[in-house]
Amino acid sequence: MLSQERYDIILNLLKNKEIVKMKEIVDTLKISESTIRRDLSYLEEHGLLKRV
């Protein structure tokens, strides 16, 4: 899966729920937590989400 596809899926999850836990993203995308952390960092750097 391409990174842009992952970004789109993560942003859609957030659009639908507003708050999404790491486990939910792992279960949805079937990828490692480290990859998700990198994706979340990228999205946060570009102002698309806020991690808490």
PDB file of N, CA and C in Angstrom:
ATOM      1  N   MET A   1       0.841  -1.172   0.000  1.00  0.00           N
ATOM      2  CA  MET A   1       0.000   0.000   0.000  1.00  0.00           C
ATOM      3  C   MET A   1       0.890   1.240   0.000  1.00  0.00           C
ATOM      4  N   LEU A   2       0.559   2.180  -0.850  1.00  0.00           N
ATOM      5  CA  LEU A   2       1.317   3.419  -0.942  1.00  0.00           C
ATOM      6  C   LEU A   2       1.018   4.323   0.247  1.00  0.00           C
ATOM      7  N   SER A   3       1.991   5.160   0.578  1.00  0.00           N
ATOM      8  CA  SER A   3       1.814   6.040   1.733  1.00  0.00           C
ATOM      9  C   SER A   3       0.612   6.969   1.547  1.00  0.00           C
ATOM     10  N   GLN A   4       0.396   7.479   0.351  1.00  0.00           N
ATOM     11  CA  GLN A   4      -0.749   8.370   0.128  1.00  0.00           C
ATOM     12  C   GLN A   4      -2.067   7.651   0.398  1.00  0.00           C
ATOM     13  N   GLU A   5      -2.137   6.376   0.055  1.00  0.00           N
ATOM     14  CA  GLU A   5      -3.342   5.594   0.342  1.00  0.00           C
ATOM     15  C   GLU A   5      -3.559   5.484   1.851  1.00  0.00           C
ATOM     16  N   ARG A   6      -2.468   5.236   2.586  1.00  0.00           N
ATOM     17  CA  ARG A   6      -2.569   5.149   4.045  1.00  0.00           C
ATOM     18  C   ARG A   6      -3.014   6.476   4.629  1.00  0.00           C
ATOM     19  N   TYR A   7      -2.433   7.575   4.141  1.00  0.00           N
ATOM     20  CA  TYR A   7      -2.818   8.897   4.634  1.00  0.00           C
ATOM     21  C   TYR A   7      -4.311   9.120   4.432  1.00  0.00           C
ATOM     22  N   ASP A   8      -4.798   8.787   3.255  1.00  0.00           N
ATOM     23  CA  ASP A   8      -6.219   8.977   2.952  1.00  0.00           C
ATOM     24  C   ASP A   8      -7.107   8.163   3.888  1.00  0.00           C
ATOM     25  N   ILE A   9      -6.715   6.918   4.152  1.00  0.00           N
ATOM     26  CA  ILE A   9      -7.508   6.060   5.039  1.00  0.00           C
ATOM     27  C   ILE A   9      -7.496   6.611   6.463  1.00  0.00           C
ATOM     28  N   ILE A  10      -6.334   7.026   6.938  1.00  0.00           N
ATOM     29  CA  ILE A  10      -6.228   7.588   8.288  1.00  0.00           C
ATOM     30  C   ILE A  10      -7.083   8.842   8.402  1.00  0.00           C
ATOM     31  N   LEU A  11      -7.003   9.718   7.414  1.00  0.00           N
ATOM     32  CA  LEU A  11      -7.786  10.955   7.455  1.00  0.00           C
ATOM     33  C   LEU A  11      -9.282  10.673   7.375  1.00  0.00           C
ATOM     34  N   ASN A  12      -9.677   9.660   6.616  1.00  0.00           N
ATOM     35  CA  ASN A  12     -11.091   9.286   6.556  1.00  0.00           C
ATOM     36  C   ASN A  12     -11.579   8.742   7.897  1.00  0.00           C
ATOM     37  N   LEU A  13     -10.735   7.951   8.561  1.00  0.00           N
ATOM     38  CA  LEU A  13     -11.092   7.461   9.892  1.00  0.00           C
ATOM     39  C   LEU A  13     -11.321   8.640  10.838  1.00  0.00           C
ATOM     40  N   LEU A  14     -10.421   9.612  10.787  1.00  0.00           N
ATOM     41  CA  LEU A  14     -10.542  10.781  11.657  1.00  0.00           C
ATOM     42  C   LEU A  14     -11.756  11.622  11.303  1.00  0.00           C
ATOM     43  N   LYS A  15     -12.051  11.714  10.038  1.00  0.00           N
ATOM     44  CA  LYS A  15     -13.216  12.490   9.590  1.00  0.00           C
ATOM     45  C   LYS A  15     -14.508  11.884  10.138  1.00  0.00           C
ATOM     46  N   ASN A  16     -14.555  10.553  10.163  1.00  0.00           N
ATOM     47  CA  ASN A  16     -15.755   9.852  10.621  1.00  0.00           C
ATOM     48  C   ASN A  16     -15.888   9.798  12.134  1.00  0.00           C
ATOM     49  N   LYS A  17     -14.756   9.712  12.852  1.00  0.00           N
ATOM     50  CA  LYS A  17     -14.822   9.492  14.296  1.00  0.00           C
ATOM     51  C   LYS A  17     -14.240  10.617  15.127  1.00  0.00           C
ATOM     52  N   GLU A  18     -13.410  11.457  14.564  1.00  0.00           N
ATOM     53  CA  GLU A  18     -12.736  12.554  15.240  1.00  0.00           C
ATOM     54  C   GLU A  18     -11.585  12.090  16.129  1.00  0.00           C
ATOM     55  N   ILE A  19     -11.788  11.028  16.900  1.00  0.00           N
ATOM     56  CA  ILE A  19     -10.710  10.463  17.717  1.00  0.00           C
ATOM     57  C   ILE A  19     -10.543   8.996  17.339  1.00  0.00           C
ATOM     58  N   VAL A  20      -9.311   8.637  16.983  1.00  0.00           N
ATOM     59  CA  VAL A  20      -9.023   7.265  16.560  1.00  0.00           C
ATOM     60  C   VAL A  20      -7.808   6.777  17.339  1.00  0.00           C
ATOM     61  N   LYS A  21      -7.901   5.591  17.884  1.00  0.00           N
ATOM     62  CA  LYS A  21      -6.794   5.004  18.636  1.00  0.00           C
ATOM     63  C   LYS A  21      -5.853   4.255  17.688  1.00  0.00           C
ATOM     64  N   MET A  22      -4.617   4.145  18.117  1.00  0.00           N
ATOM     65  CA  MET A  22      -3.586   3.488  17.318  1.00  0.00           C
ATOM     66  C   MET A  22      -4.011   2.071  16.932  1.00  0.00           C
ATOM     67  N   LYS A  23      -4.578   1.328  17.860  1.00  0.00           N
ATOM     68  CA  LYS A  23      -4.976  -0.055  17.596  1.00  0.00           C
ATOM     69  C   LYS A  23      -5.993  -0.134  16.459  1.00  0.00           C
ATOM     70  N   GLU A  24      -6.893   0.816  16.417  1.00  0.00           N
ATOM     71  CA  GLU A  24      -7.887   0.824  15.347  1.00  0.00           C
ATOM     72  C   GLU A  24      -7.227   1.030  13.978  1.00  0.00           C
ATOM     73  N   ILE A  25      -6.229   1.900  13.935  1.00  0.00           N
ATOM     74  CA  ILE A  25      -5.513   2.126  12.667  1.00  0.00           C
ATOM     75  C   ILE A  25      -4.733   0.882  12.287  1.00  0.00           C
ATOM     76  N   VAL A  26      -4.075   0.247  13.262  1.00  0.00           N
ATOM     77  CA  VAL A  26      -3.330  -0.995  13.001  1.00  0.00           C
ATOM     78  C   VAL A  26      -4.268  -2.068  12.453  1.00  0.00           C
ATOM     79  N   ASP A  27      -5.419  -2.244  13.099  1.00  0.00           N
ATOM     80  CA  ASP A  27      -6.374  -3.262  12.662  1.00  0.00           C
ATOM     81  C   ASP A  27      -6.939  -2.961  11.280  1.00  0.00           C
ATOM     82  N   THR A  28      -7.155  -1.695  10.978  1.00  0.00           N
ATOM     83  CA  THR A  28      -7.723  -1.312   9.687  1.00  0.00           C
ATOM     84  C   THR A  28      -6.721  -1.478   8.552  1.00  0.00           C
ATOM     85  N   LEU A  29      -5.492  -0.999   8.781  1.00  0.00           N
ATOM     86  CA  LEU A  29      -4.500  -0.989   7.707  1.00  0.00           C
ATOM     87  C   LEU A  29      -3.638  -2.250   7.640  1.00  0.00           C
ATOM     88  N   LYS A  30      -3.614  -3.017   8.727  1.00  0.00           N
ATOM     89  CA  LYS A  30      -2.784  -4.227   8.774  1.00  0.00           C
ATOM     90  C   LYS A  30      -1.307  -3.928   8.505  1.00  0.00           C
ATOM     91  N   ILE A  31      -0.824  -2.859   9.157  1.00  0.00           N
ATOM     92  CA  ILE A  31       0.591  -2.509   9.049  1.00  0.00           C
ATOM     93  C   ILE A  31       1.147  -2.263  10.448  1.00  0.00           C
ATOM     94  N   SER A  32       2.459  -2.132  10.541  1.00  0.00           N
ATOM     95  CA  SER A  32       3.108  -2.010  11.846  1.00  0.00           C
ATOM     96  C   SER A  32       2.846  -0.649  12.491  1.00  0.00           C
ATOM     97  N   GLU A  33       2.951  -0.629  13.804  1.00  0.00           N
ATOM     98  CA  GLU A  33       2.778   0.616  14.556  1.00  0.00           C
ATOM     99  C   GLU A  33       3.833   1.643  14.177  1.00  0.00           C
ATOM    100  N   SER A  34       5.051   1.184  13.885  1.00  0.00           N
ATOM    101  CA  SER A  34       6.110   2.134  13.518  1.00  0.00           C
ATOM    102  C   SER A  34       5.784   2.843  12.209  1.00  0.00           C
ATOM    103  N   THR A  35       5.198   2.141  11.260  1.00  0.00           N
ATOM    104  CA  THR A  35       4.790   2.765   9.997  1.00  0.00           C
ATOM    105  C   THR A  35       3.682   3.774  10.253  1.00  0.00           C
ATOM    106  N   ILE A  36       2.736   3.409  11.099  1.00  0.00           N
ATOM    107  CA  ILE A  36       1.635   4.323  11.423  1.00  0.00           C
ATOM    108  C   ILE A  36       2.169   5.558  12.137  1.00  0.00           C
ATOM    109  N   ARG A  37       3.115   5.379  13.045  1.00  0.00           N
ATOM    110  CA  ARG A  37       3.706   6.526  13.745  1.00  0.00           C
ATOM    111  C   ARG A  37       4.359   7.484  12.748  1.00  0.00           C
ATOM    112  N   ARG A  38       5.078   6.936  11.774  1.00  0.00           N
ATOM    113  CA  ARG A  38       5.698   7.778  10.743  1.00  0.00           C
ATOM    114  C   ARG A  38       4.629   8.521   9.940  1.00  0.00           C
ATOM    115  N   ASP A  39       3.578   7.799   9.579  1.00  0.00           N
ATOM    116  CA  ASP A  39       2.489   8.424   8.819  1.00  0.00           C
ATOM    117  C   ASP A  39       1.827   9.532   9.634  1.00  0.00           C
ATOM    118  N   LEU A  40       1.576   9.282  10.915  1.00  0.00           N
ATOM    119  CA  LEU A  40       0.947  10.286  11.767  1.00  0.00           C
ATOM    120  C   LEU A  40       1.852  11.502  11.940  1.00  0.00           C
ATOM    121  N   SER A  41       3.146  11.268  12.059  1.00  0.00           N
ATOM    122  CA  SER A  41       4.098  12.385  12.165  1.00  0.00           C
ATOM    123  C   SER A  41       4.055  13.239  10.905  1.00  0.00           C
ATOM    124  N   TYR A  42       4.042  12.585   9.756  1.00  0.00           N
ATOM    125  CA  TYR A  42       3.982  13.292   8.479  1.00  0.00           C
ATOM    126  C   TYR A  42       2.704  14.132   8.395  1.00  0.00           C
ATOM    127  N   LEU A  43       1.578  13.525   8.728  1.00  0.00           N
ATOM    128  CA  LEU A  43       0.295  14.221   8.649  1.00  0.00           C
ATOM    129  C   LEU A  43       0.234  15.388   9.634  1.00  0.00           C
ATOM    130  N   GLU A  44       0.818  15.193  10.814  1.00  0.00           N
ATOM    131  CA  GLU A  44       0.830  16.271  11.803  1.00  0.00           C
ATOM    132  C   GLU A  44       1.727  17.420  11.341  1.00  0.00           C
ATOM    133  N   GLU A  45       2.882  17.104  10.774  1.00  0.00           N
ATOM    134  CA  GLU A  45       3.795  18.132  10.268  1.00  0.00           C
ATOM    135  C   GLU A  45       3.132  18.985   9.190  1.00  0.00           C
ATOM    136  N   HIS A  46       2.223  18.383   8.441  1.00  0.00           N
ATOM    137  CA  HIS A  46       1.538  19.095   7.366  1.00  0.00           C
ATOM    138  C   HIS A  46       0.196  19.686   7.818  1.00  0.00           C
ATOM    139  N   GLY A  47      -0.047  19.678   9.127  1.00  0.00           N
ATOM    140  CA  GLY A  47      -1.216  20.321   9.690  1.00  0.00           C
ATOM    141  C   GLY A  47      -2.539  19.621   9.418  1.00  0.00           C
ATOM    142  N   LEU A  48      -2.489  18.322   9.114  1.00  0.00           N
ATOM    143  CA  LEU A  48      -3.708  17.597   8.772  1.00  0.00           C
ATOM    144  C   LEU A  48      -4.344  16.903   9.964  1.00  0.00           C
ATOM    145  N   LEU A  49      -3.604  16.772  11.055  1.00  0.00           N
ATOM    146  CA  LEU A  49      -4.154  16.167  12.271  1.00  0.00           C
ATOM    147  C   LEU A  49      -3.343  16.618  13.458  1.00  0.00           C
ATOM    148  N   LYS A  50      -3.869  16.353  14.633  1.00  0.00           N
ATOM    149  CA  LYS A  50      -3.195  16.682  15.894  1.00  0.00           C
ATOM    150  C   LYS A  50      -3.146  15.431  16.731  1.00  0.00           C
ATOM    151  N   ARG A  51      -1.946  15.014  17.098  1.00  0.00           N
ATOM    152  CA  ARG A  51      -1.792  13.830  17.964  1.00  0.00           C
ATOM    153  C   ARG A  51      -1.829  14.255  19.415  1.00  0.00           C
ATOM    154  N   VAL A  52      -2.464  13.413  20.236  1.00  0.00           N
ATOM    155  CA  VAL A  52      -2.494  13.675  21.677  1.00  0.00           C
ATOM    156  C   VAL A  52      -2.112  12.430  22.435  1.00  0.00           C
TER     157      VAL A  52
END
